[in-house]
N, C-alpha and C. Protein backbone atom coordinates (compact mmCIF):
# COMPACT_ATOMS: atom_id res chain seq x y z
N MET A 1 -39.86 150.93 124.85
CA MET A 1 -40.77 151.63 125.74
C MET A 1 -40.84 150.88 127.07
N GLU A 2 -40.62 151.59 128.14
CA GLU A 2 -40.62 150.98 129.47
C GLU A 2 -42.05 150.75 129.94
N LYS A 3 -42.25 149.59 130.57
CA LYS A 3 -43.55 149.27 131.13
C LYS A 3 -43.68 149.91 132.51
N LEU A 4 -44.91 150.11 132.95
CA LEU A 4 -45.14 150.64 134.29
C LEU A 4 -44.94 149.57 135.34
N TYR A 5 -45.33 148.33 135.02
CA TYR A 5 -45.23 147.23 135.97
C TYR A 5 -44.78 145.96 135.26
N TYR A 6 -44.06 145.13 136.00
CA TYR A 6 -43.54 143.88 135.48
C TYR A 6 -43.98 142.73 136.37
N LYS A 7 -44.25 141.57 135.77
CA LYS A 7 -44.56 140.37 136.53
C LYS A 7 -43.28 139.81 137.12
N ILE A 8 -43.41 138.96 138.13
CA ILE A 8 -42.24 138.40 138.81
C ILE A 8 -41.35 137.61 137.84
N SER A 9 -41.96 136.92 136.89
CA SER A 9 -41.16 136.16 135.92
C SER A 9 -40.34 137.09 135.04
N GLU A 10 -40.91 138.23 134.66
CA GLU A 10 -40.17 139.20 133.86
C GLU A 10 -39.02 139.82 134.66
N VAL A 11 -39.30 140.13 135.92
CA VAL A 11 -38.27 140.71 136.79
C VAL A 11 -37.14 139.71 136.99
N SER A 12 -37.49 138.45 137.14
CA SER A 12 -36.48 137.42 137.31
C SER A 12 -35.58 137.34 136.09
N ARG A 13 -36.18 137.39 134.90
CA ARG A 13 -35.39 137.36 133.67
C ARG A 13 -34.53 138.61 133.53
N LEU A 14 -35.09 139.77 133.85
CA LEU A 14 -34.35 141.03 133.71
C LEU A 14 -33.17 141.13 134.67
N THR A 15 -33.36 140.65 135.88
CA THR A 15 -32.34 140.84 136.91
C THR A 15 -31.44 139.63 137.11
N GLY A 16 -31.87 138.47 136.66
CA GLY A 16 -31.10 137.25 136.89
C GLY A 16 -31.25 136.73 138.31
N VAL A 17 -32.30 137.17 139.01
CA VAL A 17 -32.57 136.73 140.39
C VAL A 17 -33.82 135.85 140.35
N GLU A 18 -33.71 134.66 140.91
CA GLU A 18 -34.80 133.70 140.88
C GLU A 18 -36.03 134.22 141.62
N PRO A 19 -37.25 133.83 141.17
CA PRO A 19 -38.48 134.30 141.82
C PRO A 19 -38.54 134.01 143.33
N HIS A 20 -38.06 132.83 143.76
CA HIS A 20 -38.13 132.53 145.19
C HIS A 20 -37.19 133.46 145.98
N VAL A 21 -36.10 133.88 145.37
CA VAL A 21 -35.18 134.82 146.04
C VAL A 21 -35.83 136.20 146.10
N LEU A 22 -36.52 136.59 145.04
CA LEU A 22 -37.22 137.88 145.05
C LEU A 22 -38.26 137.91 146.18
N ARG A 23 -39.00 136.82 146.33
CA ARG A 23 -40.01 136.77 147.40
C ARG A 23 -39.34 136.80 148.77
N TYR A 24 -38.21 136.12 148.91
CA TYR A 24 -37.48 136.16 150.18
C TYR A 24 -36.97 137.57 150.48
N TRP A 25 -36.35 138.21 149.49
CA TRP A 25 -35.84 139.57 149.69
C TRP A 25 -36.97 140.51 150.09
N GLU A 26 -38.15 140.29 149.53
CA GLU A 26 -39.30 141.12 149.89
C GLU A 26 -39.62 140.99 151.38
N SER A 27 -39.44 139.80 151.93
CA SER A 27 -39.72 139.59 153.36
C SER A 27 -38.62 140.15 154.26
N VAL A 28 -37.43 140.33 153.71
CA VAL A 28 -36.28 140.78 154.50
C VAL A 28 -36.05 142.29 154.40
N PHE A 29 -36.22 142.84 153.22
CA PHE A 29 -35.91 144.25 152.98
C PHE A 29 -37.20 145.06 152.87
N GLU A 30 -37.42 145.93 153.84
CA GLU A 30 -38.66 146.71 153.85
C GLU A 30 -38.75 147.66 152.66
N GLU A 31 -37.62 148.03 152.07
CA GLU A 31 -37.65 148.92 150.91
C GLU A 31 -38.26 148.24 149.69
N LEU A 32 -38.20 146.93 149.65
CA LEU A 32 -38.73 146.17 148.52
C LEU A 32 -40.13 145.67 148.86
N SER A 33 -41.11 146.35 148.33
CA SER A 33 -42.50 145.96 148.60
C SER A 33 -43.33 146.19 147.34
N PRO A 34 -43.25 145.24 146.40
CA PRO A 34 -44.02 145.40 145.16
C PRO A 34 -45.51 145.40 145.44
N ALA A 35 -46.23 146.12 144.61
CA ALA A 35 -47.69 146.14 144.71
C ALA A 35 -48.22 144.79 144.26
N LYS A 36 -49.49 144.57 144.51
CA LYS A 36 -50.14 143.35 144.04
C LYS A 36 -51.37 143.74 143.24
N ASN A 37 -51.64 142.98 142.18
CA ASN A 37 -52.81 143.26 141.37
C ASN A 37 -54.05 142.61 142.00
N ARG A 38 -55.16 142.70 141.33
CA ARG A 38 -56.42 142.17 141.88
C ARG A 38 -56.35 140.67 142.15
N ALA A 39 -55.56 139.98 141.35
CA ALA A 39 -55.42 138.53 141.52
C ALA A 39 -54.43 138.18 142.62
N GLY A 40 -53.78 139.18 143.18
CA GLY A 40 -52.82 138.94 144.25
C GLY A 40 -51.40 138.68 143.77
N ASN A 41 -51.17 138.84 142.46
CA ASN A 41 -49.84 138.65 141.90
C ASN A 41 -48.99 139.90 142.10
N ARG A 42 -47.71 139.70 142.39
CA ARG A 42 -46.80 140.83 142.56
C ARG A 42 -46.60 141.55 141.23
N ILE A 43 -46.59 142.87 141.30
CA ILE A 43 -46.27 143.68 140.13
C ILE A 43 -45.18 144.66 140.54
N TYR A 44 -44.06 144.59 139.83
CA TYR A 44 -42.87 145.36 140.18
C TYR A 44 -42.76 146.60 139.30
N SER A 45 -42.42 147.71 139.93
CA SER A 45 -42.20 148.97 139.21
C SER A 45 -40.74 149.04 138.79
N PRO A 46 -40.40 149.95 137.87
CA PRO A 46 -38.99 150.14 137.52
C PRO A 46 -38.14 150.49 138.75
N ARG A 47 -38.70 151.21 139.72
CA ARG A 47 -37.98 151.53 140.95
C ARG A 47 -37.66 150.26 141.73
N ASP A 48 -38.62 149.32 141.77
CA ASP A 48 -38.39 148.04 142.43
C ASP A 48 -37.25 147.28 141.75
N ILE A 49 -37.23 147.31 140.43
CA ILE A 49 -36.19 146.62 139.68
C ILE A 49 -34.82 147.23 139.97
N ASP A 50 -34.75 148.55 140.03
CA ASP A 50 -33.49 149.22 140.38
C ASP A 50 -33.02 148.78 141.76
N LEU A 51 -33.94 148.70 142.71
CA LEU A 51 -33.61 148.27 144.06
C LEU A 51 -33.11 146.82 144.07
N ILE A 52 -33.77 145.97 143.31
CA ILE A 52 -33.34 144.57 143.21
C ILE A 52 -31.92 144.49 142.66
N MET A 53 -31.61 145.30 141.67
CA MET A 53 -30.26 145.30 141.11
C MET A 53 -29.25 145.77 142.15
N GLU A 54 -29.61 146.75 142.96
CA GLU A 54 -28.72 147.20 144.03
C GLU A 54 -28.50 146.09 145.05
N LEU A 55 -29.57 145.41 145.42
CA LEU A 55 -29.45 144.29 146.36
C LEU A 55 -28.60 143.17 145.77
N LYS A 56 -28.79 142.91 144.50
CA LYS A 56 -28.01 141.86 143.83
C LYS A 56 -26.52 142.21 143.88
N ILE A 57 -26.19 143.47 143.64
CA ILE A 57 -24.78 143.90 143.70
C ILE A 57 -24.23 143.69 145.11
N LEU A 58 -25.00 144.11 146.11
CA LEU A 58 -24.53 143.96 147.49
C LEU A 58 -24.36 142.49 147.87
N ILE A 59 -25.36 141.68 147.58
CA ILE A 59 -25.39 140.30 148.08
C ILE A 59 -24.55 139.35 147.22
N ARG A 60 -24.70 139.44 145.92
CA ARG A 60 -24.01 138.47 145.06
C ARG A 60 -22.63 138.95 144.62
N ASP A 61 -22.51 140.21 144.26
CA ASP A 61 -21.22 140.70 143.76
C ASP A 61 -20.27 141.10 144.88
N LYS A 62 -20.77 141.86 145.85
CA LYS A 62 -19.92 142.32 146.95
C LYS A 62 -19.91 141.36 148.13
N GLN A 63 -20.68 140.27 148.02
CA GLN A 63 -20.69 139.19 149.01
C GLN A 63 -21.14 139.62 150.41
N PHE A 64 -22.06 140.59 150.48
CA PHE A 64 -22.65 140.97 151.77
C PHE A 64 -23.59 139.86 152.20
N SER A 65 -23.69 139.64 153.50
CA SER A 65 -24.74 138.75 154.01
C SER A 65 -26.06 139.52 153.92
N THR A 66 -27.15 138.82 154.13
CA THR A 66 -28.45 139.49 154.10
C THR A 66 -28.50 140.58 155.17
N SER A 67 -28.02 140.27 156.37
CA SER A 67 -28.04 141.27 157.44
C SER A 67 -27.08 142.42 157.12
N GLY A 68 -25.95 142.11 156.49
CA GLY A 68 -25.02 143.17 156.09
C GLY A 68 -25.64 144.09 155.04
N ALA A 69 -26.37 143.50 154.11
CA ALA A 69 -27.06 144.30 153.09
C ALA A 69 -28.15 145.15 153.74
N GLN A 70 -28.84 144.59 154.76
CA GLN A 70 -29.85 145.37 155.48
C GLN A 70 -29.20 146.59 156.15
N GLN A 71 -28.05 146.37 156.78
CA GLN A 71 -27.34 147.48 157.43
C GLN A 71 -26.92 148.53 156.42
N GLU A 72 -26.45 148.08 155.26
CA GLU A 72 -26.04 149.02 154.21
C GLU A 72 -27.24 149.83 153.71
N MET A 73 -28.38 149.17 153.57
CA MET A 73 -29.59 149.88 153.13
C MET A 73 -30.06 150.86 154.20
N GLN A 74 -29.95 150.49 155.48
CA GLN A 74 -30.31 151.41 156.56
C GLN A 74 -29.38 152.61 156.57
N ALA A 75 -28.10 152.38 156.36
CA ALA A 75 -27.13 153.47 156.31
C ALA A 75 -27.45 154.40 155.14
N ARG A 76 -27.90 153.82 154.05
CA ARG A 76 -28.27 154.62 152.88
C ARG A 76 -29.45 155.54 153.21
N ARG A 77 -30.45 155.01 153.95
CA ARG A 77 -31.62 155.83 154.31
C ARG A 77 -31.22 156.98 155.22
N LYS A 78 -30.18 156.79 156.03
CA LYS A 78 -29.76 157.82 156.98
C LYS A 78 -28.86 158.88 156.36
N LYS A 79 -28.40 158.65 155.12
CA LYS A 79 -27.53 159.63 154.47
C LYS A 79 -28.29 160.92 154.26
N PRO A 80 -27.57 162.06 154.33
CA PRO A 80 -28.25 163.35 154.13
C PRO A 80 -28.82 163.47 152.72
N LYS A 81 -29.86 164.25 152.63
CA LYS A 81 -30.51 164.49 151.34
C LYS A 81 -29.64 165.42 150.48
N THR A 82 -29.78 165.30 149.16
CA THR A 82 -29.08 166.18 148.24
C THR A 82 -29.84 167.50 148.15
N LYS A 83 -29.32 168.43 147.38
CA LYS A 83 -29.94 169.75 147.25
C LYS A 83 -31.38 169.67 146.76
N ASP A 84 -31.66 168.70 145.89
CA ASP A 84 -33.02 168.58 145.36
C ASP A 84 -33.94 167.75 146.25
N GLY A 85 -33.45 167.38 147.46
CA GLY A 85 -34.29 166.66 148.41
C GLY A 85 -34.30 165.16 148.24
N GLU A 86 -33.51 164.65 147.30
CA GLU A 86 -33.46 163.22 147.05
C GLU A 86 -32.38 162.57 147.90
N THR A 87 -32.60 161.32 148.26
CA THR A 87 -31.57 160.54 148.94
C THR A 87 -30.57 160.10 147.89
N PRO A 88 -29.27 160.25 148.14
CA PRO A 88 -28.29 159.82 147.14
C PRO A 88 -28.40 158.33 146.87
N GLU A 89 -28.20 157.96 145.62
CA GLU A 89 -28.27 156.56 145.24
C GLU A 89 -27.08 155.80 145.84
N LEU A 90 -27.32 154.55 146.19
CA LEU A 90 -26.25 153.70 146.68
C LEU A 90 -25.23 153.49 145.56
N PHE A 91 -25.73 153.27 144.36
CA PHE A 91 -24.89 153.11 143.19
C PHE A 91 -25.43 154.05 142.12
N PRO A 92 -24.84 155.25 141.96
CA PRO A 92 -25.36 156.19 140.97
C PRO A 92 -25.44 155.53 139.59
N LYS A 93 -26.45 155.92 138.83
CA LYS A 93 -26.66 155.27 137.55
C LYS A 93 -27.30 156.20 136.55
N ASN A 94 -27.20 155.82 135.31
CA ASN A 94 -27.87 156.50 134.23
C ASN A 94 -29.18 155.75 134.00
N THR A 95 -30.29 156.31 134.48
CA THR A 95 -31.56 155.57 134.44
C THR A 95 -32.03 155.30 133.02
N ASP A 96 -31.77 156.22 132.08
CA ASP A 96 -32.18 155.97 130.69
C ASP A 96 -31.43 154.77 130.13
N LEU A 97 -30.16 154.72 130.39
CA LEU A 97 -29.35 153.61 129.92
C LEU A 97 -29.81 152.31 130.56
N GLN A 98 -30.07 152.35 131.86
CA GLN A 98 -30.53 151.13 132.54
C GLN A 98 -31.87 150.67 131.99
N ARG A 99 -32.77 151.60 131.75
CA ARG A 99 -34.08 151.24 131.20
C ARG A 99 -33.90 150.57 129.85
N ASP A 100 -33.05 151.16 129.00
CA ASP A 100 -32.82 150.58 127.68
C ASP A 100 -32.21 149.19 127.79
N LEU A 101 -31.27 149.02 128.71
CA LEU A 101 -30.65 147.71 128.89
C LEU A 101 -31.64 146.68 129.41
N ARG A 102 -32.55 147.10 130.31
CA ARG A 102 -33.59 146.17 130.79
C ARG A 102 -34.47 145.71 129.64
N GLU A 103 -34.84 146.66 128.79
CA GLU A 103 -35.70 146.32 127.66
C GLU A 103 -34.99 145.40 126.68
N VAL A 104 -33.72 145.66 126.41
CA VAL A 104 -32.95 144.81 125.51
C VAL A 104 -32.82 143.41 126.11
N ARG A 105 -32.53 143.35 127.41
CA ARG A 105 -32.38 142.05 128.07
C ARG A 105 -33.68 141.25 128.01
N LEU A 106 -34.82 141.92 128.25
CA LEU A 106 -36.10 141.24 128.19
C LEU A 106 -36.37 140.75 126.76
N LEU A 107 -36.09 141.57 125.78
CA LEU A 107 -36.28 141.18 124.39
C LEU A 107 -35.41 139.98 124.04
N LEU A 108 -34.14 140.03 124.43
CA LEU A 108 -33.24 138.91 124.15
C LEU A 108 -33.70 137.63 124.85
N GLN A 109 -34.19 137.76 126.07
CA GLN A 109 -34.67 136.59 126.79
C GLN A 109 -35.90 136.02 126.11
N GLN A 110 -36.78 136.88 125.60
CA GLN A 110 -37.96 136.40 124.89
C GLN A 110 -37.56 135.68 123.61
N LEU A 111 -36.56 136.22 122.91
CA LEU A 111 -36.07 135.56 121.69
C LEU A 111 -35.44 134.20 122.03
N LEU A 112 -34.67 134.17 123.10
CA LEU A 112 -34.05 132.92 123.54
C LEU A 112 -35.09 131.88 123.91
N ASP A 113 -36.16 132.32 124.57
CA ASP A 113 -37.23 131.40 124.96
C ASP A 113 -37.91 130.77 123.74
N LYS A 114 -37.92 131.48 122.62
CA LYS A 114 -38.56 130.97 121.40
C LYS A 114 -37.71 129.93 120.69
N LEU A 115 -36.40 129.90 120.99
CA LEU A 115 -35.51 128.93 120.33
C LEU A 115 -35.68 127.53 120.86
């Protein structure tokens, strides 16, 4: 079962991106703006996690610089809308499969932490 919100430590485990990098990306990419709870802690939605994975692909896998990734994200926003009014995904995905994989990864990380 997918959660509505994740703490930064959970997002870090799910995505493989360190918390300090997540905070930095938040300051650089306007698309990434997690909500904060009453205590002021960041809470990430599944949409935020999908965006982080897209940024990770651009920056770590495709070796874009931060400014290059910003340009790619801006180009994505300027792309025409699809028939249903949605902006096309930068990397099309099966969201059910991704959700399941996030949950499995979190479970495996929790099991690993107990060892």
